């Protein structure tokens, strides 16, 4: 449906008055972080849930109404969900926007365009806001999530100062839980640190680098576009260096199977937490389940 039609739909539906900010989030892990900060005050709305992928997502009319009624829209980055930025500009021009990749203190990693990675030396750094070429899958670093909790609490407090103390307290509690999670996952993943993994989609370098894991390459680049002939050839030539392939429920495993057949084990991993109930615990459940998948994928190495 055209955005102009969505705008007309939104205007035709009256909105009820509310005291608690109406918050819309892009993906389930971000929804979980916002839900933790809002716990006891309100509940954010989620756009991309279940097995849906944020790449190339299309809003339904009911979701367009959520956007149109939002006081605050929280998203990872334009490069992950450009459709949301476009819809927000058309449907909710007066809403506040919080693009988490722009938050001060966020660790950024550059996009990796090659199919096979030549080296394991990647650098953490801060980019100037708006700089192109940053991998948007930054929620998979729990240290970024800790930084974002503070930014979410600050944004909500500006909109709803009566509940500022609650937002700040919730954010502090959630940060402490993520600090504990990081230590636990690092210890659990130590046996996998020497394994050579290859994801179907290059979405995991934040997780890899936080926990000293090693991807030898990726079948599809960060934008999840289908690989071309040269990329496929490079991946086939590197088959002997791959211990296991990580596939996703949002994408078909057929491509990985066509490259490696039965020579390399395939294990499902989900960076969006599609198998969990959206809400307070999903972020922790998602990262914990990712650790389980990587350990399954590398158990023989």
Protein backbone atom coordinates (compact mmCIF):
# COMPACT_ATOMS: atom_id res chain seq x y z
CA UNK A 1 0.00 0.00 0.00
CA UNK A 2 1.28 3.45 -0.88
CA UNK A 3 2.35 5.70 1.98
CA UNK A 4 -0.16 8.31 0.87
CA UNK A 5 -2.91 5.73 1.38
CA UNK A 6 -1.52 4.83 4.78
CA UNK A 7 -1.52 8.49 5.75
CA UNK A 8 -5.18 8.81 4.78
CA UNK A 9 -6.00 5.69 6.81
CA UNK A 10 -4.22 7.03 9.86
CA UNK A 11 -5.97 10.39 9.67
CA UNK A 12 -9.35 8.70 9.41
CA UNK A 13 -8.88 6.89 12.72
CA UNK A 14 -9.18 9.05 15.84
CA UNK A 15 -6.53 8.60 18.53
CA UNK A 16 -7.31 8.35 22.21
CA UNK A 17 -5.64 10.66 24.67
CA UNK A 18 -2.86 9.08 26.69
CA UNK A 19 -0.50 10.06 29.47
CA UNK A 20 2.13 7.38 28.97
CA UNK A 21 4.23 7.90 25.82
CA UNK A 22 3.23 5.74 22.88
CA UNK A 23 6.42 4.03 21.77
CA UNK A 24 6.97 2.04 18.57
CA UNK A 25 10.04 -0.14 18.06
CA UNK A 26 11.48 -1.82 14.99
CA UNK A 27 12.72 -5.33 15.98
CA UNK A 28 12.05 -7.63 18.93
CA UNK A 29 15.43 -7.26 20.73
CA UNK A 30 15.02 -3.46 20.75
CA UNK A 31 11.40 -3.83 21.83
CA UNK A 32 12.69 -5.92 24.75
CA UNK A 33 15.15 -3.23 25.85
CA UNK A 34 12.46 -0.55 25.68
CA UNK A 35 9.98 -2.79 27.51
CA UNK A 36 12.47 -3.22 30.34
CA UNK A 37 12.87 0.55 30.71
CA UNK A 38 9.09 1.07 30.56
CA UNK A 39 8.25 -1.79 32.94
CA UNK A 40 5.52 -0.70 35.33
CA UNK A 41 4.69 2.38 33.29
CA UNK A 42 3.65 1.20 29.83
CA UNK A 43 4.32 -1.23 26.99
CA UNK A 44 5.94 -0.41 23.63
CA UNK A 45 4.59 -1.64 20.30
CA UNK A 46 6.62 -3.94 18.05
CA UNK A 47 6.61 -3.87 14.25
CA UNK A 48 8.86 -6.75 13.10
CA UNK A 49 8.09 -9.93 15.01
CA UNK A 50 8.28 -13.71 14.64
CA UNK A 51 10.09 -15.03 11.60
CA UNK A 52 9.87 -11.76 9.66
CA UNK A 53 13.12 -10.13 8.53
CA UNK A 54 13.69 -6.37 8.96
CA UNK A 55 15.37 -6.30 5.55
CA UNK A 56 12.72 -5.32 3.01
CA UNK A 57 9.84 -5.38 5.51
CA UNK A 58 6.52 -3.81 4.44
CA UNK A 59 4.10 -2.21 6.91
CA UNK A 60 0.55 -3.48 7.16
CA UNK A 61 -2.23 -0.89 7.61
CA UNK A 62 -2.59 -1.78 11.31
CA UNK A 63 1.14 -1.18 11.78
CA UNK A 64 0.90 2.11 9.94
CA UNK A 65 -1.62 3.21 12.56
CA UNK A 66 0.84 2.32 15.32
CA UNK A 67 3.46 4.49 13.67
CA UNK A 68 1.03 7.35 13.16
CA UNK A 69 0.08 7.41 16.85
CA UNK A 70 3.65 7.20 18.18
CA UNK A 71 5.21 9.78 20.46
CA UNK A 72 8.58 8.02 20.16
CA UNK A 73 9.96 5.71 17.48
CA UNK A 74 12.98 3.65 18.50
CA UNK A 75 15.00 1.95 15.76
CA UNK A 76 18.48 0.55 15.34
CA UNK A 77 19.47 2.37 12.18
CA UNK A 78 18.27 3.62 8.83
CA UNK A 79 20.40 1.02 7.05
CA UNK A 80 18.59 -1.82 8.83
CA UNK A 81 15.02 -0.52 8.40
CA UNK A 82 14.89 2.29 5.81
CA UNK A 83 11.19 1.55 5.33
CA UNK A 84 10.51 2.62 8.94
CA UNK A 85 12.29 5.94 8.57
CA UNK A 86 10.29 6.66 5.42
CA UNK A 87 7.01 5.69 7.09
CA UNK A 88 7.78 7.74 10.20
CA UNK A 89 8.43 10.85 8.15
CA UNK A 90 5.11 10.43 6.34
CA UNK A 91 2.90 9.18 9.19
CA UNK A 92 4.38 10.64 12.37
CA UNK A 93 6.23 13.86 11.49
CA UNK A 94 5.90 15.18 15.06
CA UNK A 95 7.10 12.04 16.83
CA UNK A 96 10.51 11.88 18.48
CA UNK A 97 12.98 9.52 16.82
CA UNK A 98 15.73 7.60 18.61
CA UNK A 99 18.18 5.98 16.18
CA UNK A 100 20.30 3.83 18.47
CA UNK A 101 23.33 3.51 16.21
CA UNK A 102 23.76 7.28 16.62
CA UNK A 103 23.85 7.18 20.44
CA UNK A 104 27.15 8.38 21.90
CA UNK A 105 29.22 5.50 23.24
CA UNK A 106 27.88 2.92 20.78
CA UNK A 107 30.53 0.55 19.44
CA UNK A 108 30.48 0.43 15.63
CA UNK A 109 32.01 -2.03 13.20
CA UNK A 110 32.52 -1.45 9.49
CA UNK A 111 30.56 -3.43 6.94
CA UNK A 112 32.41 -6.46 5.57
CA UNK A 113 31.75 -6.75 1.86
CA UNK A 114 34.02 -9.69 1.01
CA UNK A 115 32.78 -13.29 1.04
CA UNK A 116 35.87 -14.66 2.81
CA UNK A 117 37.46 -12.55 5.52
CA UNK A 118 41.21 -12.19 5.21
CA UNK A 119 41.99 -11.41 8.82
CA UNK A 120 40.54 -11.51 12.31
CA UNK A 121 41.76 -8.09 13.38
CA UNK A 122 38.68 -5.87 13.53
CA UNK A 123 38.53 -2.57 15.32
CA UNK A 124 35.91 -1.04 17.55
CA UNK A 125 35.43 2.64 16.87
CA UNK A 126 32.98 5.49 16.86
CA UNK A 127 31.84 6.93 13.55
CA UNK A 128 30.58 10.42 13.00
CA UNK A 129 26.80 10.35 12.94
CA UNK A 130 25.44 9.59 9.50
CA UNK A 131 28.64 8.05 8.16
CA UNK A 132 27.98 5.26 5.68
CA UNK A 133 29.49 1.80 5.84
CA UNK A 134 28.61 0.86 9.43
CA UNK A 135 27.24 -2.63 10.12
CA UNK A 136 23.78 -2.00 11.65
CA UNK A 137 23.50 -5.27 13.63
CA UNK A 138 24.84 -3.52 16.71
CA UNK A 139 22.24 -4.86 19.17
CA UNK A 140 24.19 -8.14 19.25
CA UNK A 141 26.85 -6.52 21.43
CA UNK A 142 25.43 -6.42 24.97
CA UNK A 143 27.67 -3.47 25.79
CA UNK A 144 25.82 -1.47 23.15
CA UNK A 145 22.54 -2.54 24.69
CA UNK A 146 23.72 -1.20 28.05
CA UNK A 147 24.50 2.19 26.47
CA UNK A 148 21.14 2.22 24.73
CA UNK A 149 19.19 1.52 27.92
CA UNK A 150 20.40 4.86 29.29
CA UNK A 151 19.49 6.67 26.07
CA UNK A 152 16.03 5.11 26.03
CA UNK A 153 15.45 6.11 29.65
CA UNK A 154 16.57 9.67 28.94
CA UNK A 155 14.29 9.99 25.91
CA UNK A 156 11.30 8.60 27.80
CA UNK A 157 12.00 10.88 30.76
CA UNK A 158 11.96 13.92 28.48
CA UNK A 159 8.51 12.90 27.23
CA UNK A 160 7.21 11.74 30.59
CA UNK A 161 9.07 13.50 33.43
CA UNK A 162 6.62 12.24 36.06
CA UNK A 163 8.03 8.73 35.56
CA UNK A 164 11.67 9.70 35.06
CA UNK A 165 12.82 8.03 38.28
CA UNK A 166 11.14 4.77 37.30
CA UNK A 167 12.71 4.79 33.86
CA UNK A 168 16.16 5.46 35.33
CA UNK A 169 15.78 2.71 37.94
CA UNK A 170 14.57 0.19 35.36
CA UNK A 171 17.47 1.02 33.05
CA UNK A 172 19.98 0.54 35.87
CA UNK A 173 18.48 -2.85 36.77
CA UNK A 174 18.56 -3.95 33.13
CA UNK A 175 22.18 -2.80 32.72
CA UNK A 176 23.26 -4.88 35.70
CA UNK A 177 21.53 -7.93 34.22
CA UNK A 178 23.31 -7.43 30.88
CA UNK A 179 26.68 -7.09 32.58
CA UNK A 180 26.08 -10.45 34.25
CA UNK A 181 24.89 -11.95 30.97
CA UNK A 182 28.05 -10.84 29.17
CA UNK A 183 30.31 -12.51 31.73
CA UNK A 184 28.25 -15.70 31.62
CA UNK A 185 28.22 -15.91 27.83
CA UNK A 186 31.94 -15.22 27.54
CA UNK A 187 32.72 -18.13 29.82
CA UNK A 188 30.25 -20.43 28.04
CA UNK A 189 31.56 -19.57 24.57
CA UNK A 190 35.24 -20.07 25.33
CA UNK A 191 35.22 -23.62 23.82
CA UNK A 192 34.00 -22.16 20.50
CA UNK A 193 36.65 -19.45 20.19
CA UNK A 194 38.94 -21.49 17.91
CA UNK A 195 36.21 -22.76 15.59
CA UNK A 196 35.75 -21.38 12.07
CA UNK A 197 32.08 -20.47 11.57
CA UNK A 198 30.40 -19.16 8.46
CA UNK A 199 27.00 -17.46 8.77
CA UNK A 200 24.41 -17.43 6.03
CA UNK A 201 24.14 -13.66 6.53
CA UNK A 202 26.90 -11.38 7.83
CA UNK A 203 24.99 -10.17 10.88
CA UNK A 204 27.14 -11.42 13.73
CA UNK A 205 30.41 -9.51 13.95
CA UNK A 206 29.26 -7.57 17.03
CA UNK A 207 28.57 -10.84 18.81
CA UNK A 208 31.75 -12.44 17.44
CA UNK A 209 34.04 -9.66 18.53
CA UNK A 210 32.49 -9.23 21.96
CA UNK A 211 32.97 -12.94 22.67
CA UNK A 212 36.19 -13.60 20.69
CA UNK A 213 34.56 -15.81 18.07
CA UNK A 214 35.76 -16.26 14.48
CA UNK A 215 33.81 -16.04 11.22
CA UNK A 216 35.79 -17.01 8.15
CA UNK A 217 33.30 -15.26 5.87
CA UNK A 218 29.58 -14.97 5.12
CA UNK A 219 27.38 -16.39 2.37
CA UNK A 220 25.40 -13.15 2.06
CA UNK A 221 26.59 -9.68 3.02
CA UNK A 222 25.12 -7.59 5.83
CA UNK A 223 22.14 -6.46 3.71
CA UNK A 224 21.14 -10.14 3.16
CA UNK A 225 21.11 -9.78 -0.63
CA UNK A 226 21.58 -12.98 -2.62
CA UNK A 227 25.27 -13.59 -3.41
CA UNK A 228 26.61 -13.33 -6.95
CA UNK A 229 28.70 -15.92 -8.86
CA UNK A 230 32.09 -14.62 -7.67
CA UNK A 231 31.03 -14.67 -4.04
CA UNK A 232 29.73 -18.22 -4.39
CA UNK A 233 32.99 -19.29 -6.04
CA UNK A 234 35.03 -17.74 -3.22
CA UNK A 235 32.92 -19.54 -0.65
CA UNK A 236 33.30 -22.90 -2.39
CA UNK A 237 37.07 -22.45 -2.52
CA UNK A 238 37.09 -21.80 1.23
CA UNK A 239 35.00 -24.85 2.13
CA UNK A 240 37.91 -26.72 3.73
CA UNK A 241 38.33 -23.92 6.26
CA UNK A 242 34.71 -23.95 7.48
CA UNK A 243 33.74 -25.93 10.58
CA UNK A 244 30.04 -25.13 10.50
CA UNK A 245 27.46 -22.87 8.84
CA UNK A 246 24.94 -20.77 10.77
CA UNK A 247 21.57 -20.45 9.04
CA UNK A 248 18.56 -18.34 10.07
CA UNK A 249 14.83 -19.08 10.34
CA UNK A 250 14.14 -15.91 8.33
CA UNK A 251 16.06 -17.31 5.32
CA UNK A 252 16.22 -20.54 3.36
CA UNK A 253 19.01 -23.05 4.03
CA UNK A 254 18.99 -24.17 0.38
CA UNK A 255 21.76 -21.80 -0.63
CA UNK A 256 24.12 -23.09 2.05
CA UNK A 257 23.24 -26.67 1.14
CA UNK A 258 23.94 -25.98 -2.54
CA UNK A 259 27.44 -24.76 -1.68
CA UNK A 260 28.52 -27.29 0.94
CA UNK A 261 26.08 -30.19 0.66
CA UNK A 262 26.54 -32.48 3.66
CA UNK A 263 30.22 -31.65 4.10
CA UNK A 264 29.63 -28.89 6.65
CA UNK A 265 27.08 -29.04 9.48
CA UNK A 266 24.28 -26.48 9.46
CA UNK A 267 22.87 -25.05 12.70
CA UNK A 268 20.03 -22.54 13.06
CA UNK A 269 20.69 -19.22 14.83
CA UNK A 270 18.27 -16.33 15.26
CA UNK A 271 19.57 -12.80 15.95
CA UNK A 272 15.98 -11.50 16.21
CA UNK A 273 14.64 -13.86 18.87
CA UNK A 274 11.70 -14.90 16.72
CA UNK A 275 11.07 -18.01 18.79
CA UNK A 276 10.54 -16.11 22.02
CA UNK A 277 7.59 -14.15 23.33
CA UNK A 278 8.22 -10.43 22.76
CA UNK A 279 8.79 -8.56 25.99
CA UNK A 280 11.04 -8.11 28.99
CA UNK A 281 13.14 -11.27 28.72
CA UNK A 282 13.51 -11.61 24.96
CA UNK A 283 16.85 -9.79 24.65
CA UNK A 284 18.57 -12.03 27.19
CA UNK A 285 16.87 -15.13 25.76
CA UNK A 286 18.00 -14.22 22.25
CA UNK A 287 21.69 -13.83 23.09
CA UNK A 288 21.64 -16.94 25.29
CA UNK A 289 20.06 -18.98 22.49
CA UNK A 290 22.65 -17.64 20.03
CA UNK A 291 25.37 -18.92 22.33
CA UNK A 292 23.66 -22.32 22.41
CA UNK A 293 23.55 -22.41 18.60
CA UNK A 294 27.22 -21.53 18.22
CA UNK A 295 28.21 -24.16 20.77
CA UNK A 296 26.12 -26.74 18.88
CA UNK A 297 27.70 -25.64 15.63
CA UNK A 298 31.24 -25.94 16.95
CA UNK A 299 30.91 -28.83 19.39
CA UNK A 300 33.41 -31.02 17.52
CA UNK A 301 36.12 -28.34 17.31
